[in-house]
Amino acid sequence: MLVDILSLQQIYCILVKIGNIELRDKPLLLAPMEDVTDPSFRYICKRFGADLMYTEFISSDGLIRDAKKSLAKLDIYDYERPIGIQIYGHLIDAMVEAAKRAEEAGPELIDINFGCPVKKIANRGAGSGILKNIPLMIEMTQAIVKAVKLPVTVKTRLGWDEESKIIAEIAEQLQDTGIKALTIHGRTRSQLYKGSADWTLIGEIKNNPRIKIPIIGNGDIKDAQTAKQMFDTYGVDGIMIGRASVGRPWIFKEIRHFLDTGEILPPLTVNETVALAEEQFSRSLEWKDGMKGIFEMRRHFSLYFKGLSHFKETRLKLVTSKEPDEIFGLLHEIRDKWGEKEC
C-alpha cells in the first residue's frame, strides 16, 4: 500500500495544473492562430499528441455582435479536450461579455490575447497593443477572472519594444488577478516575428519564487531538440508551438518521443503526409462554407511537402486550384510520384 501511495504521489507531482485542468509533465500546447487552428487542423494536431489546444483567437466585438465568423470559432468537439477559447479586444465591458459567451460554448478555459502584434489589432490597443497600458491590462484581466467560473489564462509578449521589456514586472500583477497560467512569447511587439525569440526573461519569471502559476514558453520551437533545450535551460512548465506546427502537425509526436526517449523519430513518408493532407482537407471542406475550406488549406499545402525536390510546379497547382476534385487528384499524383520518399 505504501508503494502505491508513493507512486500516486509521484504521478501527481509531475502533473501541470491550470486551475482544475491536469496536464502531463512538460505539456505541449498548440498556439491559437487566426485562419489556422480551426477544427480541421486541431483534429490532426490532437492525433499527434497536442496536450492542450486553443481555438483561433476571437474578437470580443465580433462575438458580442453575433458576427457569423466569430460565432463559428466557438465550435469545439469532445475529442479536442482540453481546449481553450482565446478572445481579444480593447474594451473591458466587451471583453467581459465575450468571456461569458465563450464560457457558454463549454471550453476548459478562457485565454486572453495580450500578444497579437498585427497592426490593425495592436494599434487599437488590443492584443499586444495593451502593453502600452498596463493598468488597463490588469483591470481587464481582473474583471474577466471575476466574471467567469472557468480558469482564465493570459498570453502576452516581453513588452512593446526593446526599451520596454516589462514582462518580469507585470507577471506577478497578472498572477494576482487570479489567472491560472501565463504564456509568454519571447519577442516584443515591435519585433513581430522577426529576429530570435529571447527566452531569458521567460526563465527569470519561471524561477521567481513568488510565481506559483504555470509559465508556458513560446517562440522559435522548431524541432524536438529545441523544445528539450528550452525545458532544460529555462525550466518552463510547458511549451506552446505555433508556426512550426503548420504543415508539420506531427511535431508534437516528435517532441514527445524525444523528451521520453532521447531518440529522433524518422521523417514521415510522402504516403503518410498525403494521407494527413487529405484528412485535413476533407474536414476543412466539411466545416467551412464555399471556397473558404480551400483557401485556408493553401498555407498548409504549401508547407506539407516542403522537403520534396522538384516540387515547385506541383505546389503551385495545389495552392491555386479552386476545385476539390482537382486538389484530391493532385494529392494522389504526389503519392504516386514520391510515395515512400521522406518529407
C-alpha atoms as a PDB file:
ATOM      1  CA  MET A   1       0.000   0.000   0.000  1.00  0.00           C
ATOM      2  CA  LEU A   2       2.832   2.408   0.860  1.00  0.00           C
ATOM      3  CA  VAL A   3       4.388   1.794  -2.550  1.00  0.00           C
ATOM      4  CA  ASP A   4       1.050   2.513  -4.227  1.00  0.00           C
ATOM      5  CA  ILE A   5       0.645   5.757  -2.270  1.00  0.00           C
ATOM      6  CA  LEU A   6       4.177   6.874  -3.148  1.00  0.00           C
ATOM      7  CA  SER A   7       3.564   6.061  -6.791  1.00  0.00           C
ATOM      8  CA  LEU A   8       0.384   8.105  -6.815  1.00  0.00           C
ATOM      9  CA  GLN A   9       2.185  10.989  -5.137  1.00  0.00           C
ATOM     10  CA  GLN A  10       4.954  10.852  -7.726  1.00  0.00           C
ATOM     11  CA  ILE A  11       2.445  10.834 -10.572  1.00  0.00           C
ATOM     12  CA  TYR A  12       0.550  13.732  -9.003  1.00  0.00           C
ATOM     13  CA  CYS A  13       3.729  15.757  -8.537  1.00  0.00           C
ATOM     14  CA  ILE A  14       4.616  15.699 -12.205  1.00  0.00           C
ATOM     15  CA  LEU A  15       1.240  16.998 -13.331  1.00  0.00           C
ATOM     16  CA  VAL A  16       0.961  20.570 -14.561  1.00  0.00           C
ATOM     17  CA  LYS A  17      -2.280  22.059 -13.284  1.00  0.00           C
ATOM     18  CA  ILE A  18      -4.089  25.003 -14.850  1.00  0.00           C
ATOM     19  CA  GLY A  19      -6.937  25.558 -12.453  1.00  0.00           C
ATOM     20  CA  ASN A  20      -8.690  22.197 -12.349  1.00  0.00           C
ATOM     21  CA  ILE A  21      -7.139  21.047 -15.644  1.00  0.00           C
ATOM     22  CA  GLU A  22      -4.460  18.409 -15.201  1.00  0.00           C
ATOM     23  CA  LEU A  23      -1.849  18.040 -17.929  1.00  0.00           C
ATOM     24  CA  ARG A  24       1.059  15.640 -18.121  1.00  0.00           C
ATOM     25  CA  ASP A  25       4.590  16.717 -17.239  1.00  0.00           C
ATOM     26  CA  LYS A  26       6.087  19.097 -19.824  1.00  0.00           C
ATOM     27  CA  PRO A  27       2.866  19.579 -21.787  1.00  0.00           C
ATOM     28  CA  LEU A  28       2.923  20.688 -25.419  1.00  0.00           C
ATOM     29  CA  LEU A  29       0.348  23.300 -26.379  1.00  0.00           C
ATOM     30  CA  LEU A  30      -0.946  24.313 -29.797  1.00  0.00           C
ATOM     31  CA  ALA A  31      -0.934  28.109 -30.115  1.00  0.00           C
ATOM     32  CA  PRO A  32      -4.074  29.923 -31.228  1.00  0.00           C
ATOM     33  CA  MET A  33      -3.563  31.149 -34.804  1.00  0.00           C
ATOM     34  CA  GLU A  34      -6.014  33.042 -36.979  1.00  0.00           C
ATOM     35  CA  ASP A  35      -7.201  31.061 -40.018  1.00  0.00           C
ATOM     36  CA  VAL A  36      -5.026  28.132 -38.902  1.00  0.00           C
ATOM     37  CA  THR A  37      -6.200  26.470 -35.675  1.00  0.00           C
ATOM     38  CA  ASP A  38      -9.670  25.584 -36.896  1.00  0.00           C
ATOM     39  CA  PRO A  39     -11.277  22.210 -36.064  1.00  0.00           C
ATOM     40  CA  SER A  40      -9.767  20.510 -39.130  1.00  0.00           C
ATOM     41  CA  PHE A  41      -6.208  21.395 -38.100  1.00  0.00           C
ATOM     42  CA  ARG A  42      -6.825  20.804 -34.407  1.00  0.00           C
ATOM     43  CA  TYR A  43      -8.063  17.298 -35.219  1.00  0.00           C
ATOM     44  CA  ILE A  44      -4.720  16.431 -36.794  1.00  0.00           C
ATOM     45  CA  CYS A  45      -2.656  18.049 -34.023  1.00  0.00           C
ATOM     46  CA  LYS A  46      -4.613  16.176 -31.359  1.00  0.00           C
ATOM     47  CA  ARG A  47      -3.890  12.888 -33.108  1.00  0.00           C
ATOM     48  CA  PHE A  48      -0.193  13.650 -32.781  1.00  0.00           C
ATOM     49  CA  GLY A  49      -0.359  14.407 -29.093  1.00  0.00           C
ATOM     50  CA  ALA A  50      -1.037  18.112 -28.535  1.00  0.00           C
ATOM     51  CA  ASP A  51      -1.862  18.249 -24.824  1.00  0.00           C
ATOM     52  CA  LEU A  52      -3.839  21.492 -24.843  1.00  0.00           C
ATOM     53  CA  MET A  53      -5.172  23.358 -27.855  1.00  0.00           C
ATOM     54  CA  TYR A  54      -6.820  26.705 -28.487  1.00  0.00           C
ATOM     55  CA  THR A  55      -9.330  27.995 -30.980  1.00  0.00           C
ATOM     56  CA  GLU A  56      -8.435  30.723 -33.408  1.00  0.00           C
ATOM     57  CA  PHE A  57      -8.486  33.987 -31.468  1.00  0.00           C
ATOM     58  CA  ILE A  58     -11.895  35.640 -31.413  1.00  0.00           C
ATOM     59  CA  SER A  59     -12.744  39.340 -31.491  1.00  0.00           C
ATOM     60  CA  SER A  60     -14.752  40.413 -28.463  1.00  0.00           C
ATOM     61  CA  ASP A  61     -16.582  42.957 -30.614  1.00  0.00           C
ATOM     62  CA  GLY A  62     -17.495  40.303 -33.164  1.00  0.00           C
ATOM     63  CA  LEU A  63     -18.652  37.884 -30.504  1.00  0.00           C
ATOM     64  CA  ILE A  64     -20.996  40.284 -28.737  1.00  0.00           C
ATOM     65  CA  ARG A  65     -22.396  41.438 -32.098  1.00  0.00           C
ATOM     66  CA  ASP A  66     -23.108  37.809 -33.007  1.00  0.00           C
ATOM     67  CA  ALA A  67     -20.897  38.095 -36.092  1.00  0.00           C
ATOM     68  CA  LYS A  68     -21.028  34.847 -38.057  1.00  0.00           C
ATOM     69  CA  LYS A  69     -17.259  34.453 -38.357  1.00  0.00           C
ATOM     70  CA  SER A  70     -16.716  34.950 -34.629  1.00  0.00           C
ATOM     71  CA  LEU A  71     -19.514  32.596 -33.603  1.00  0.00           C
ATOM     72  CA  ALA A  72     -18.179  29.859 -35.901  1.00  0.00           C
ATOM     73  CA  LYS A  73     -14.895  29.899 -33.991  1.00  0.00           C
ATOM     74  CA  LEU A  74     -16.738  28.757 -30.869  1.00  0.00           C
ATOM     75  CA  ASP A  75     -17.249  25.305 -32.399  1.00  0.00           C
ATOM     76  CA  ILE A  76     -15.425  22.757 -30.272  1.00  0.00           C
ATOM     77  CA  TYR A  77     -15.639  18.962 -30.086  1.00  0.00           C
ATOM     78  CA  ASP A  78     -15.199  16.447 -27.288  1.00  0.00           C
ATOM     79  CA  TYR A  79     -12.176  14.772 -28.906  1.00  0.00           C
ATOM     80  CA  GLU A  80     -10.294  18.101 -28.720  1.00  0.00           C
ATOM     81  CA  ARG A  81     -10.457  18.437 -24.957  1.00  0.00           C
ATOM     82  CA  PRO A  82      -8.945  20.037 -23.034  1.00  0.00           C
ATOM     83  CA  ILE A  83      -9.345  23.154 -25.168  1.00  0.00           C
ATOM     84  CA  GLY A  84      -9.284  26.887 -24.552  1.00  0.00           C
ATOM     85  CA  ILE A  85     -11.094  29.721 -26.304  1.00  0.00           C
ATOM     86  CA  GLN A  86      -8.965  32.824 -26.787  1.00  0.00           C
ATOM     87  CA  ILE A  87     -10.502  36.298 -27.017  1.00  0.00           C
ATOM     88  CA  TYR A  88      -9.069  39.724 -27.723  1.00  0.00           C
ATOM     89  CA  GLY A  89     -10.284  43.311 -27.507  1.00  0.00           C
ATOM     90  CA  HIS A  90      -9.547  46.723 -26.029  1.00  0.00           C
ATOM     91  CA  LEU A  91     -12.728  47.476 -24.044  1.00  0.00           C
ATOM     92  CA  ILE A  92     -13.289  45.909 -20.627  1.00  0.00           C
ATOM     93  CA  ASP A  93     -17.071  45.605 -20.856  1.00  0.00           C
ATOM     94  CA  ALA A  94     -16.897  43.991 -24.295  1.00  0.00           C
ATOM     95  CA  MET A  95     -14.185  41.572 -23.172  1.00  0.00           C
ATOM     96  CA  VAL A  96     -16.167  40.576 -20.087  1.00  0.00           C
ATOM     97  CA  GLU A  97     -19.289  39.922 -22.163  1.00  0.00           C
ATOM     98  CA  ALA A  98     -17.252  37.994 -24.731  1.00  0.00           C
ATOM     99  CA  ALA A  99     -15.690  35.866 -21.985  1.00  0.00           C
ATOM    100  CA  LYS A 100     -19.149  34.965 -20.705  1.00  0.00           C
ATOM    101  CA  ARG A 101     -20.288  33.959 -24.172  1.00  0.00           C
ATOM    102  CA  ALA A 102     -17.131  31.938 -24.719  1.00  0.00           C
ATOM    103  CA  GLU A 103     -17.727  30.176 -21.411  1.00  0.00           C
ATOM    104  CA  GLU A 104     -21.187  29.119 -22.622  1.00  0.00           C
ATOM    105  CA  ALA A 105     -19.530  27.246 -25.503  1.00  0.00           C
ATOM    106  CA  GLY A 106     -18.092  24.805 -22.951  1.00  0.00           C
ATOM    107  CA  PRO A 107     -14.287  25.033 -23.199  1.00  0.00           C
ATOM    108  CA  GLU A 108     -11.970  24.094 -20.343  1.00  0.00           C
ATOM    109  CA  LEU A 109     -10.520  27.606 -20.067  1.00  0.00           C
ATOM    110  CA  ILE A 110     -10.668  31.175 -21.359  1.00  0.00           C
ATOM    111  CA  ASP A 111      -7.443  32.728 -22.644  1.00  0.00           C
ATOM    112  CA  ILE A 112      -6.859  36.455 -23.069  1.00  0.00           C
ATOM    113  CA  ASN A 113      -4.810  37.536 -26.066  1.00  0.00           C
ATOM    114  CA  PHE A 114      -2.392  40.270 -24.999  1.00  0.00           C
ATOM    115  CA  GLY A 115       0.188  39.216 -27.562  1.00  0.00           C
ATOM    116  CA  CYS A 116      -1.064  39.556 -31.152  1.00  0.00           C
ATOM    117  CA  PRO A 117       1.278  42.004 -32.940  1.00  0.00           C
ATOM    118  CA  VAL A 118      -0.860  42.547 -36.059  1.00  0.00           C
ATOM    119  CA  LYS A 119      -1.079  46.270 -36.750  1.00  0.00           C
ATOM    120  CA  LYS A 120      -4.859  46.564 -37.090  1.00  0.00           C
ATOM    121  CA  ILE A 121      -5.288  44.869 -33.701  1.00  0.00           C
ATOM    122  CA  ALA A 122      -2.370  46.321 -31.734  1.00  0.00           C
ATOM    123  CA  ASN A 123      -2.985  49.892 -32.907  1.00  0.00           C
ATOM    124  CA  ARG A 124      -6.468  49.750 -31.391  1.00  0.00           C
ATOM    125  CA  GLY A 125      -4.987  48.858 -28.024  1.00  0.00           C
ATOM    126  CA  ALA A 126      -5.935  45.171 -28.246  1.00  0.00           C
ATOM    127  CA  GLY A 127      -3.567  42.193 -28.423  1.00  0.00           C
ATOM    128  CA  SER A 128      -0.011  43.364 -27.751  1.00  0.00           C
ATOM    129  CA  GLY A 129      -1.218  46.958 -28.008  1.00  0.00           C
ATOM    130  CA  ILE A 130      -2.331  46.754 -24.393  1.00  0.00           C
ATOM    131  CA  LEU A 131       1.341  46.501 -23.389  1.00  0.00           C
ATOM    132  CA  LYS A 132       1.315  50.287 -23.662  1.00  0.00           C
ATOM    133  CA  ASN A 133      -1.373  50.486 -20.983  1.00  0.00           C
ATOM    134  CA  ILE A 134      -0.530  48.111 -18.134  1.00  0.00           C
ATOM    135  CA  PRO A 135      -3.187  49.458 -15.723  1.00  0.00           C
ATOM    136  CA  LEU A 136      -5.841  48.623 -18.329  1.00  0.00           C
ATOM    137  CA  MET A 137      -4.319  45.176 -18.861  1.00  0.00           C
ATOM    138  CA  ILE A 138      -4.511  44.380 -15.162  1.00  0.00           C
ATOM    139  CA  GLU A 139      -8.006  45.846 -14.732  1.00  0.00           C
ATOM    140  CA  MET A 140      -9.331  43.959 -17.764  1.00  0.00           C
ATOM    141  CA  THR A 141      -7.809  40.665 -16.644  1.00  0.00           C
ATOM    142  CA  GLN A 142      -9.214  41.044 -13.145  1.00  0.00           C
ATOM    143  CA  ALA A 143     -12.680  41.816 -14.493  1.00  0.00           C
ATOM    144  CA  ILE A 144     -12.686  38.731 -16.718  1.00  0.00           C
ATOM    145  CA  VAL A 145     -11.453  36.461 -13.927  1.00  0.00           C
ATOM    146  CA  LYS A 146     -14.317  37.670 -11.732  1.00  0.00           C
ATOM    147  CA  ALA A 147     -16.896  37.318 -14.495  1.00  0.00           C
ATOM    148  CA  VAL A 148     -16.411  33.633 -15.368  1.00  0.00           C
ATOM    149  CA  LYS A 149     -16.124  30.388 -13.464  1.00  0.00           C
ATOM    150  CA  LEU A 150     -13.636  28.747 -15.806  1.00  0.00           C
ATOM    151  CA  PRO A 151      -9.873  29.131 -15.365  1.00  0.00           C
ATOM    152  CA  VAL A 152      -8.570  32.254 -17.120  1.00  0.00           C
ATOM    153  CA  THR A 153      -5.090  32.389 -18.646  1.00  0.00           C
ATOM    154  CA  VAL A 154      -3.105  35.091 -20.429  1.00  0.00           C
ATOM    155  CA  LYS A 155      -0.811  35.042 -23.464  1.00  0.00           C
ATOM    156  CA  THR A 156       1.453  38.041 -23.975  1.00  0.00           C
ATOM    157  CA  ARG A 157       4.905  39.235 -25.080  1.00  0.00           C
ATOM    158  CA  LEU A 158       8.035  40.607 -23.415  1.00  0.00           C
ATOM    159  CA  GLY A 159       6.904  44.186 -23.935  1.00  0.00           C
ATOM    160  CA  TRP A 160       6.143  46.719 -26.637  1.00  0.00           C
ATOM    161  CA  ASP A 161       9.734  47.251 -27.798  1.00  0.00           C
ATOM    162  CA  GLU A 162      13.347  46.724 -26.768  1.00  0.00           C
ATOM    163  CA  GLU A 163      13.187  49.650 -24.329  1.00  0.00           C
ATOM    164  CA  SER A 164      10.067  48.397 -22.560  1.00  0.00           C
ATOM    165  CA  LYS A 165      10.541  44.723 -21.769  1.00  0.00           C
ATOM    166  CA  ILE A 166       8.248  44.829 -18.754  1.00  0.00           C
ATOM    167  CA  ILE A 167       7.037  41.253 -18.570  1.00  0.00           C
ATOM    168  CA  ALA A 168       9.059  40.396 -15.452  1.00  0.00           C
ATOM    169  CA  GLU A 169       7.488  43.358 -13.658  1.00  0.00           C
ATOM    170  CA  ILE A 170       3.901  42.584 -14.593  1.00  0.00           C
ATOM    171  CA  ALA A 171       3.927  38.778 -14.269  1.00  0.00           C
ATOM    172  CA  GLU A 172       3.228  38.984 -10.531  1.00  0.00           C
ATOM    173  CA  GLN A 173       0.497  41.560 -11.094  1.00  0.00           C
ATOM    174  CA  LEU A 174      -1.167  39.275 -13.613  1.00  0.00           C
ATOM    175  CA  GLN A 175      -0.876  36.357 -11.205  1.00  0.00           C
ATOM    176  CA  ASP A 176      -2.519  38.461  -8.513  1.00  0.00           C
ATOM    177  CA  THR A 177      -5.590  38.972 -10.697  1.00  0.00           C
ATOM    178  CA  GLY A 178      -6.307  35.252 -10.339  1.00  0.00           C
ATOM    179  CA  ILE A 179      -5.177  33.893 -13.700  1.00  0.00           C
ATOM    180  CA  LYS A 180      -4.194  30.224 -13.664  1.00  0.00           C
ATOM    181  CA  ALA A 181      -1.310  30.256 -16.177  1.00  0.00           C
ATOM    182  CA  LEU A 182       0.779  32.709 -18.165  1.00  0.00           C
ATOM    183  CA  THR A 183       2.128  32.102 -21.669  1.00  0.00           C
ATOM    184  CA  ILE A 184       4.963  34.363 -22.814  1.00  0.00           C
ATOM    185  CA  HIS A 185       6.163  34.780 -26.380  1.00  0.00           C
ATOM    186  CA  GLY A 186       9.857  35.657 -26.292  1.00  0.00           C
ATOM    187  CA  ARG A 187       9.618  38.687 -28.587  1.00  0.00           C
ATOM    188  CA  THR A 188       8.453  42.265 -28.249  1.00  0.00           C
ATOM    189  CA  ARG A 189       5.561  43.608 -30.275  1.00  0.00           C
ATOM    190  CA  SER A 190       7.982  45.670 -32.375  1.00  0.00           C
ATOM    191  CA  GLN A 191       9.823  42.514 -33.421  1.00  0.00           C
ATOM    192  CA  LEU A 192       6.651  40.975 -34.805  1.00  0.00           C
ATOM    193  CA  TYR A 193       8.026  37.535 -35.757  1.00  0.00           C
ATOM    194  CA  LYS A 194      11.458  38.754 -36.827  1.00  0.00           C
ATOM    195  CA  GLY A 195      14.771  38.054 -35.172  1.00  0.00           C
ATOM    196  CA  SER A 196      15.144  35.419 -32.480  1.00  0.00           C
ATOM    197  CA  ALA A 197      12.892  34.801 -29.513  1.00  0.00           C
ATOM    198  CA  ASP A 198      14.600  35.679 -26.226  1.00  0.00           C
ATOM    199  CA  TRP A 199      13.692  33.181 -23.517  1.00  0.00           C
ATOM    200  CA  THR A 200      15.883  34.772 -20.839  1.00  0.00           C
ATOM    201  CA  LEU A 201      13.062  36.739 -19.233  1.00  0.00           C
ATOM    202  CA  ILE A 202      10.723  33.766 -19.526  1.00  0.00           C
ATOM    203  CA  GLY A 203      13.189  31.741 -17.475  1.00  0.00           C
ATOM    204  CA  GLU A 204      13.588  34.586 -14.988  1.00  0.00           C
ATOM    205  CA  ILE A 205       9.839  34.651 -14.385  1.00  0.00           C
ATOM    206  CA  LYS A 206       9.615  30.874 -14.054  1.00  0.00           C
ATOM    207  CA  ASN A 207      12.404  30.926 -11.460  1.00  0.00           C
ATOM    208  CA  ASN A 208      10.856  33.777  -9.481  1.00  0.00           C
ATOM    209  CA  PRO A 209       9.886  32.101  -6.170  1.00  0.00           C
ATOM    210  CA  ARG A 210       6.828  34.344  -5.926  1.00  0.00           C
ATOM    211  CA  ILE A 211       5.384  32.933  -9.150  1.00  0.00           C
ATOM    212  CA  LYS A 212       3.124  29.968  -8.389  1.00  0.00           C
ATOM    213  CA  ILE A 213       1.184  29.578 -11.638  1.00  0.00           C
ATOM    214  CA  PRO A 214       2.469  27.566 -14.620  1.00  0.00           C
ATOM    215  CA  ILE A 215       4.669  29.506 -17.031  1.00  0.00           C
ATOM    216  CA  ILE A 216       4.414  28.468 -20.680  1.00  0.00           C
ATOM    217  CA  GLY A 217       7.174  29.459 -23.110  1.00  0.00           C
ATOM    218  CA  ASN A 218       6.529  30.304 -26.747  1.00  0.00           C
ATOM    219  CA  GLY A 219       8.678  31.298 -29.705  1.00  0.00           C
ATOM    220  CA  ASP A 220      11.104  29.562 -32.078  1.00  0.00           C
ATOM    221  CA  ILE A 221      10.307  25.983 -31.081  1.00  0.00           C
ATOM    222  CA  LYS A 222      11.283  24.433 -34.405  1.00  0.00           C
ATOM    223  CA  ASP A 223      12.048  20.824 -33.533  1.00  0.00           C
ATOM    224  CA  ALA A 224      12.367  18.278 -30.753  1.00  0.00           C
ATOM    225  CA  GLN A 225      15.896  19.299 -29.793  1.00  0.00           C
ATOM    226  CA  THR A 226      14.918  22.953 -29.418  1.00  0.00           C
ATOM    227  CA  ALA A 227      11.965  22.019 -27.241  1.00  0.00           C
ATOM    228  CA  LYS A 228      14.107  19.934 -24.911  1.00  0.00           C
ATOM    229  CA  GLN A 229      16.699  22.702 -24.712  1.00  0.00           C
ATOM    230  CA  MET A 230      14.065  25.225 -23.617  1.00  0.00           C
ATOM    231  CA  PHE A 231      12.661  22.885 -20.990  1.00  0.00           C
ATOM    232  CA  ASP A 232      16.133  22.092 -19.653  1.00  0.00           C
ATOM    233  CA  THR A 233      17.552  25.617 -19.786  1.00  0.00           C
ATOM    234  CA  TYR A 234      14.624  27.705 -18.600  1.00  0.00           C
ATOM    235  CA  GLY A 235      12.580  25.242 -16.553  1.00  0.00           C
ATOM    236  CA  VAL A 236       9.245  26.270 -18.066  1.00  0.00           C
ATOM    237  CA  ASP A 237       6.193  24.218 -17.182  1.00  0.00           C
ATOM    238  CA  GLY A 238       5.092  23.833 -20.781  1.00  0.00           C
ATOM    239  CA  ILE A 239       5.840  24.889 -24.331  1.00  0.00           C
ATOM    240  CA  MET A 240       3.462  26.411 -26.858  1.00  0.00           C
ATOM    241  CA  ILE A 241       4.066  25.694 -30.531  1.00  0.00           C
ATOM    242  CA  GLY A 242       2.697  27.903 -33.271  1.00  0.00           C
ATOM    243  CA  ARG A 243       4.119  28.401 -36.757  1.00  0.00           C
ATOM    244  CA  ALA A 244       6.301  25.273 -36.626  1.00  0.00           C
ATOM    245  CA  SER A 245       3.175  23.107 -36.489  1.00  0.00           C
ATOM    246  CA  VAL A 246       1.750  24.458 -39.754  1.00  0.00           C
ATOM    247  CA  GLY A 247       2.442  21.874 -42.430  1.00  0.00           C
ATOM    248  CA  ARG A 248       4.045  19.718 -39.754  1.00  0.00           C
ATOM    249  CA  PRO A 249       1.410  18.842 -37.140  1.00  0.00           C
ATOM    250  CA  TRP A 250       3.374  15.702 -36.232  1.00  0.00           C
ATOM    251  CA  ILE A 251       5.896  17.947 -34.441  1.00  0.00           C
ATOM    252  CA  PHE A 252       4.037  17.212 -31.187  1.00  0.00           C
ATOM    253  CA  LYS A 253       4.752  13.485 -31.532  1.00  0.00           C
ATOM    254  CA  GLU A 254       8.375  14.168 -32.493  1.00  0.00           C
ATOM    255  CA  ILE A 255       8.949  16.317 -29.418  1.00  0.00           C
ATOM    256  CA  ARG A 256       7.188  13.965 -27.012  1.00  0.00           C
ATOM    257  CA  HIS A 257       9.144  10.979 -28.300  1.00  0.00           C
ATOM    258  CA  PHE A 258      12.438  12.836 -27.938  1.00  0.00           C
ATOM    259  CA  LEU A 259      11.591  14.037 -24.432  1.00  0.00           C
ATOM    260  CA  ASP A 260      10.678  10.488 -23.401  1.00  0.00           C
ATOM    261  CA  THR A 261      13.454   8.519 -25.134  1.00  0.00           C
ATOM    262  CA  GLY A 262      16.126  10.889 -26.410  1.00  0.00           C
ATOM    263  CA  GLU A 263      15.581   9.464 -29.887  1.00  0.00           C
ATOM    264  CA  ILE A 264      14.715  11.331 -33.076  1.00  0.00           C
ATOM    265  CA  LEU A 265      11.772   9.866 -34.965  1.00  0.00           C
ATOM    266  CA  PRO A 266      12.315   9.239 -38.672  1.00  0.00           C
ATOM    267  CA  PRO A 267      10.580  11.717 -41.008  1.00  0.00           C
ATOM    268  CA  LEU A 268       7.166  10.855 -42.364  1.00  0.00           C
ATOM    269  CA  THR A 269       6.965   9.384 -45.829  1.00  0.00           C
ATOM    270  CA  VAL A 270       5.133  11.159 -48.616  1.00  0.00           C
ATOM    271  CA  ASN A 271       2.414   8.495 -48.415  1.00  0.00           C
ATOM    272  CA  GLU A 272       1.840   9.286 -44.755  1.00  0.00           C
ATOM    273  CA  THR A 273       1.897  13.030 -45.368  1.00  0.00           C
ATOM    274  CA  VAL A 274      -0.574  12.803 -48.237  1.00  0.00           C
ATOM    275  CA  ALA A 275      -2.963  10.844 -46.014  1.00  0.00           C
ATOM    276  CA  LEU A 276      -2.820  13.611 -43.410  1.00  0.00           C
ATOM    277  CA  ALA A 277      -3.306  16.339 -46.007  1.00  0.00           C
ATOM    278  CA  GLU A 278      -6.327  14.503 -47.412  1.00  0.00           C
ATOM    279  CA  GLU A 279      -7.819  14.067 -43.948  1.00  0.00           C
ATOM    280  CA  GLN A 280      -7.373  17.714 -43.014  1.00  0.00           C
ATOM    281  CA  PHE A 281      -8.671  18.944 -46.375  1.00  0.00           C
ATOM    282  CA  SER A 282     -11.771  16.742 -46.157  1.00  0.00           C
ATOM    283  CA  ARG A 283     -12.566  18.078 -42.704  1.00  0.00           C
ATOM    284  CA  SER A 284     -11.899  21.633 -43.824  1.00  0.00           C
ATOM    285  CA  LEU A 285     -14.424  21.259 -46.632  1.00  0.00           C
ATOM    286  CA  GLU A 286     -16.995  19.824 -44.226  1.00  0.00           C
ATOM    287  CA  TRP A 287     -16.573  22.568 -41.642  1.00  0.00           C
ATOM    288  CA  LYS A 288     -16.315  25.669 -43.849  1.00  0.00           C
ATOM    289  CA  ASP A 289     -18.690  27.216 -46.331  1.00  0.00           C
ATOM    290  CA  GLY A 290     -17.948  27.703 -50.006  1.00  0.00           C
ATOM    291  CA  MET A 291     -14.365  28.342 -51.030  1.00  0.00           C
ATOM    292  CA  LYS A 292     -13.113  29.089 -47.519  1.00  0.00           C
ATOM    293  CA  GLY A 293     -12.117  25.473 -46.893  1.00  0.00           C
ATOM    294  CA  ILE A 294      -9.931  25.579 -49.999  1.00  0.00           C
ATOM    295  CA  PHE A 295      -8.398  28.997 -49.409  1.00  0.00           C
ATOM    296  CA  GLU A 296      -7.434  28.306 -45.800  1.00  0.00           C
ATOM    297  CA  MET A 297      -5.837  24.955 -46.670  1.00  0.00           C
ATOM    298  CA  ARG A 298      -3.407  26.604 -49.042  1.00  0.00           C
ATOM    299  CA  ARG A 299      -0.914  27.627 -46.377  1.00  0.00           C
ATOM    300  CA  HIS A 300      -0.912  24.039 -45.117  1.00  0.00           C
ATOM    301  CA  PHE A 301      -0.473  22.572 -48.599  1.00  0.00           C
ATOM    302  CA  SER A 302       2.431  24.938 -49.270  1.00  0.00           C
ATOM    303  CA  LEU A 303       4.288  23.520 -46.247  1.00  0.00           C
ATOM    304  CA  TYR A 304       3.195  19.882 -46.024  1.00  0.00           C
ATOM    305  CA  PHE A 305       5.657  18.811 -48.737  1.00  0.00           C
ATOM    306  CA  LYS A 306       8.330  21.413 -48.085  1.00  0.00           C
ATOM    307  CA  GLY A 307      11.240  18.974 -48.248  1.00  0.00           C
ATOM    308  CA  LEU A 308      10.489  17.481 -51.654  1.00  0.00           C
ATOM    309  CA  SER A 309      12.769  18.293 -54.557  1.00  0.00           C
ATOM    310  CA  HIS A 310      11.384  19.296 -57.954  1.00  0.00           C
ATOM    311  CA  PHE A 311       8.053  20.067 -56.316  1.00  0.00           C
ATOM    312  CA  LYS A 312       7.628  23.722 -57.282  1.00  0.00           C
ATOM    313  CA  GLU A 313       5.203  23.174 -60.156  1.00  0.00           C
ATOM    314  CA  THR A 314       3.016  20.763 -58.182  1.00  0.00           C
ATOM    315  CA  ARG A 315       2.986  23.090 -55.167  1.00  0.00           C
ATOM    316  CA  LEU A 316       1.841  25.966 -57.359  1.00  0.00           C
ATOM    317  CA  LYS A 317      -1.078  23.888 -58.603  1.00  0.00           C
ATOM    318  CA  LEU A 318      -2.016  22.872 -55.052  1.00  0.00           C
ATOM    319  CA  VAL A 319      -2.174  26.455 -53.823  1.00  0.00           C
ATOM    320  CA  THR A 320      -4.022  27.880 -56.834  1.00  0.00           C
ATOM    321  CA  SER A 321      -6.609  25.218 -57.641  1.00  0.00           C
ATOM    322  CA  LYS A 322     -10.223  26.061 -56.780  1.00  0.00           C
ATOM    323  CA  GLU A 323     -11.723  22.619 -57.343  1.00  0.00           C
ATOM    324  CA  PRO A 324     -11.733  19.989 -54.555  1.00  0.00           C
ATOM    325  CA  ASP A 325     -11.613  17.074 -57.020  1.00  0.00           C
ATOM    326  CA  GLU A 326      -8.597  18.592 -58.739  1.00  0.00           C
ATOM    327  CA  ILE A 327      -6.828  19.039 -55.403  1.00  0.00           C
ATOM    328  CA  PHE A 328      -7.515  15.461 -54.338  1.00  0.00           C
ATOM    329  CA  GLY A 329      -6.233  14.383 -57.753  1.00  0.00           C
ATOM    330  CA  LEU A 330      -3.017  16.316 -57.216  1.00  0.00           C
ATOM    331  CA  LEU A 331      -2.556  14.662 -53.836  1.00  0.00           C
ATOM    332  CA  HIS A 332      -2.949  11.255 -55.482  1.00  0.00           C
ATOM    333  CA  GLU A 333      -0.338  12.233 -58.065  1.00  0.00           C
ATOM    334  CA  ILE A 334       2.044  13.267 -55.284  1.00  0.00           C
ATOM    335  CA  ARG A 335       1.592   9.878 -53.656  1.00  0.00           C
ATOM    336  CA  ASP A 336       2.180   8.052 -56.947  1.00  0.00           C
ATOM    337  CA  LYS A 337       5.276  10.059 -57.845  1.00  0.00           C
ATOM    338  CA  TRP A 338       7.062  10.408 -54.485  1.00  0.00           C
ATOM    339  CA  GLY A 339       5.470   7.563 -52.459  1.00  0.00           C
ATOM    340  CA  GLU A 340       7.977   6.227 -49.950  1.00  0.00           C
ATOM    341  CA  LYS A 341      10.320   9.228 -50.050  1.00  0.00           C
ATOM    342  CA  GLU A 342      10.711  11.170 -46.816  1.00  0.00           C
ATOM    343  CA  CYS A 343       9.164  14.605 -46.475  1.00  0.00           C
END
